Amino acid sequence: MILALFLSFFLFVIGVAGILLSRKNIILIIMSLELLLLSCNYNYILFSVYLDDLIGQVFALLILSVGASESAVGLALVISYYRTYKYI
């Protein structure tokens, strides 16, 4: 269990570093946000299995759906921005 918590912490640190280091690239920021959400999901599922409770897995599914919609909206905004201003 401790190894899984370290893995989740490592994913979280990579996500935060990605957000802090790549402020100009919106695609990398969205990918880093996905890493943050996945590390939280990993913790939810880990503790759900450890405590033999189903609520953590339900929250993980909800967070995955929110993350997928956030990525789709972000990518649509980037595509519309590049179509409007062809050269940046």
C-alpha atoms as a PDB file:
ATOM      1  CA  MET A   1       0.000   0.000   0.000  1.00  0.00           C
ATOM      2  CA  ILE A   2       2.850   2.376   0.794  1.00  0.00           C
ATOM      3  CA  LEU A   3       4.342   1.792  -2.665  1.00  0.00           C
ATOM      4  CA  ALA A   4       1.020   2.673  -4.292  1.00  0.00           C
ATOM      5  CA  LEU A   5       0.803   5.887  -2.274  1.00  0.00           C
ATOM      6  CA  PHE A   6       4.313   6.828  -3.388  1.00  0.00           C
ATOM      7  CA  LEU A   7       3.315   6.165  -6.989  1.00  0.00           C
ATOM      8  CA  SER A   8       0.296   8.425  -6.609  1.00  0.00           C
ATOM      9  CA  PHE A   9       2.431  11.125  -5.001  1.00  0.00           C
ATOM     10  CA  PHE A  10       4.970  10.815  -7.831  1.00  0.00           C
ATOM     11  CA  LEU A  11       2.222  11.259 -10.446  1.00  0.00           C
ATOM     12  CA  PHE A  12       0.919  14.289  -8.557  1.00  0.00           C
ATOM     13  CA  VAL A  13       4.375  15.886  -8.414  1.00  0.00           C
ATOM     14  CA  ILE A  14       4.883  15.309 -12.152  1.00  0.00           C
ATOM     15  CA  GLY A  15       1.513  16.961 -12.834  1.00  0.00           C
ATOM     16  CA  VAL A  16       2.282  20.005 -10.694  1.00  0.00           C
ATOM     17  CA  ALA A  17       5.738  20.347 -12.250  1.00  0.00           C
ATOM     18  CA  GLY A  18       4.188  20.127 -15.711  1.00  0.00           C
ATOM     19  CA  ILE A  19       1.771  22.930 -14.909  1.00  0.00           C
ATOM     20  CA  LEU A  20       4.461  25.146 -13.397  1.00  0.00           C
ATOM     21  CA  LEU A  21       7.071  24.563 -16.097  1.00  0.00           C
ATOM     22  CA  SER A  22       4.919  24.762 -19.234  1.00  0.00           C
ATOM     23  CA  ARG A  23       2.775  27.832 -18.848  1.00  0.00           C
ATOM     24  CA  LYS A  24       2.792  28.726 -22.543  1.00  0.00           C
ATOM     25  CA  ASN A  25       1.732  25.381 -24.000  1.00  0.00           C
ATOM     26  CA  ILE A  26      -1.951  24.719 -23.338  1.00  0.00           C
ATOM     27  CA  ILE A  27      -1.784  21.077 -24.461  1.00  0.00           C
ATOM     28  CA  LEU A  28       0.878  20.274 -21.868  1.00  0.00           C
ATOM     29  CA  ILE A  29      -1.126  22.050 -19.188  1.00  0.00           C
ATOM     30  CA  ILE A  30      -4.200  19.963 -20.027  1.00  0.00           C
ATOM     31  CA  MET A  31      -2.110  16.779 -19.941  1.00  0.00           C
ATOM     32  CA  SER A  32      -0.664  17.791 -16.566  1.00  0.00           C
ATOM     33  CA  LEU A  33      -4.165  18.398 -15.205  1.00  0.00           C
ATOM     34  CA  GLU A  34      -5.097  14.909 -16.375  1.00  0.00           C
ATOM     35  CA  LEU A  35      -2.111  13.527 -14.451  1.00  0.00           C
ATOM     36  CA  LEU A  36      -3.296  15.338 -11.327  1.00  0.00           C
ATOM     37  CA  LEU A  37      -6.776  13.898 -11.706  1.00  0.00           C
ATOM     38  CA  LEU A  38      -5.430  10.400 -12.346  1.00  0.00           C
ATOM     39  CA  SER A  39      -3.278  10.510  -9.221  1.00  0.00           C
ATOM     40  CA  CYS A  40      -6.345  11.462  -7.175  1.00  0.00           C
ATOM     41  CA  ASN A  41      -8.298   8.645  -8.826  1.00  0.00           C
ATOM     42  CA  TYR A  42      -5.550   6.210  -7.973  1.00  0.00           C
ATOM     43  CA  ASN A  43      -5.836   7.217  -4.313  1.00  0.00           C
ATOM     44  CA  TYR A  44      -9.634   6.890  -4.388  1.00  0.00           C
ATOM     45  CA  ILE A  45      -9.481   3.395  -5.859  1.00  0.00           C
ATOM     46  CA  LEU A  46      -6.654   2.326  -3.574  1.00  0.00           C
ATOM     47  CA  PHE A  47      -8.482   3.362  -0.424  1.00  0.00           C
ATOM     48  CA  SER A  48     -11.754   1.995  -1.782  1.00  0.00           C
ATOM     49  CA  VAL A  49     -10.203  -1.449  -2.132  1.00  0.00           C
ATOM     50  CA  TYR A  50      -8.392  -1.154   1.211  1.00  0.00           C
ATOM     51  CA  LEU A  51     -11.528  -0.133   3.113  1.00  0.00           C
ATOM     52  CA  ASP A  52     -13.815  -2.470   1.107  1.00  0.00           C
ATOM     53  CA  ASP A  53     -16.099   0.391   0.111  1.00  0.00           C
ATOM     54  CA  LEU A  54     -17.570   1.223  -3.288  1.00  0.00           C
ATOM     55  CA  ILE A  55     -17.863   5.010  -2.894  1.00  0.00           C
ATOM     56  CA  GLY A  56     -14.240   5.688  -3.872  1.00  0.00           C
ATOM     57  CA  GLN A  57     -14.660   3.839  -7.147  1.00  0.00           C
ATOM     58  CA  VAL A  58     -17.822   5.812  -7.930  1.00  0.00           C
ATOM     59  CA  PHE A  59     -15.965   9.072  -7.271  1.00  0.00           C
ATOM     60  CA  ALA A  60     -13.132   7.891  -9.523  1.00  0.00           C
ATOM     61  CA  LEU A  61     -15.584   7.306 -12.381  1.00  0.00           C
ATOM     62  CA  LEU A  62     -17.098  10.748 -11.859  1.00  0.00           C
ATOM     63  CA  ILE A  63     -13.673  12.387 -11.884  1.00  0.00           C
ATOM     64  CA  LEU A  64     -12.728  10.502 -15.066  1.00  0.00           C
ATOM     65  CA  SER A  65     -15.826  11.770 -16.828  1.00  0.00           C
ATOM     66  CA  VAL A  66     -15.159  15.349 -15.713  1.00  0.00           C
ATOM     67  CA  GLY A  67     -11.542  15.061 -16.854  1.00  0.00           C
ATOM     68  CA  ALA A  68     -12.548  13.722 -20.255  1.00  0.00           C
ATOM     69  CA  SER A  69     -15.019  16.541 -20.813  1.00  0.00           C
ATOM     70  CA  GLU A  70     -12.450  19.100 -19.633  1.00  0.00           C
ATOM     71  CA  SER A  71      -9.925  17.764 -22.136  1.00  0.00           C
ATOM     72  CA  ALA A  72     -12.462  17.805 -24.961  1.00  0.00           C
ATOM     73  CA  VAL A  73     -13.493  21.392 -24.250  1.00  0.00           C
ATOM     74  CA  GLY A  74      -9.876  22.509 -23.901  1.00  0.00           C
ATOM     75  CA  LEU A  75      -8.885  20.858 -27.159  1.00  0.00           C
ATOM     76  CA  ALA A  76     -11.874  22.408 -28.944  1.00  0.00           C
ATOM     77  CA  LEU A  77     -10.852  25.843 -27.667  1.00  0.00           C
ATOM     78  CA  VAL A  78      -7.291  25.350 -28.866  1.00  0.00           C
ATOM     79  CA  ILE A  79      -8.442  24.206 -32.311  1.00  0.00           C
ATOM     80  CA  SER A  80     -10.827  27.142 -32.697  1.00  0.00           C
ATOM     81  CA  TYR A  81      -8.094  29.535 -31.572  1.00  0.00           C
ATOM     82  CA  TYR A  82      -5.642  28.165 -34.137  1.00  0.00           C
ATOM     83  CA  ARG A  83      -8.265  28.348 -36.878  1.00  0.00           C
ATOM     84  CA  THR A  84      -9.004  31.980 -36.060  1.00  0.00           C
ATOM     85  CA  TYR A  85      -5.363  33.046 -35.706  1.00  0.00           C
ATOM     86  CA  LYS A  86      -3.480  30.811 -38.099  1.00  0.00           C
ATOM     87  CA  TYR A  87      -0.014  31.961 -37.071  1.00  0.00           C
ATOM     88  CA  ILE A  88       1.117  32.489 -33.527  1.00  0.00           C
END
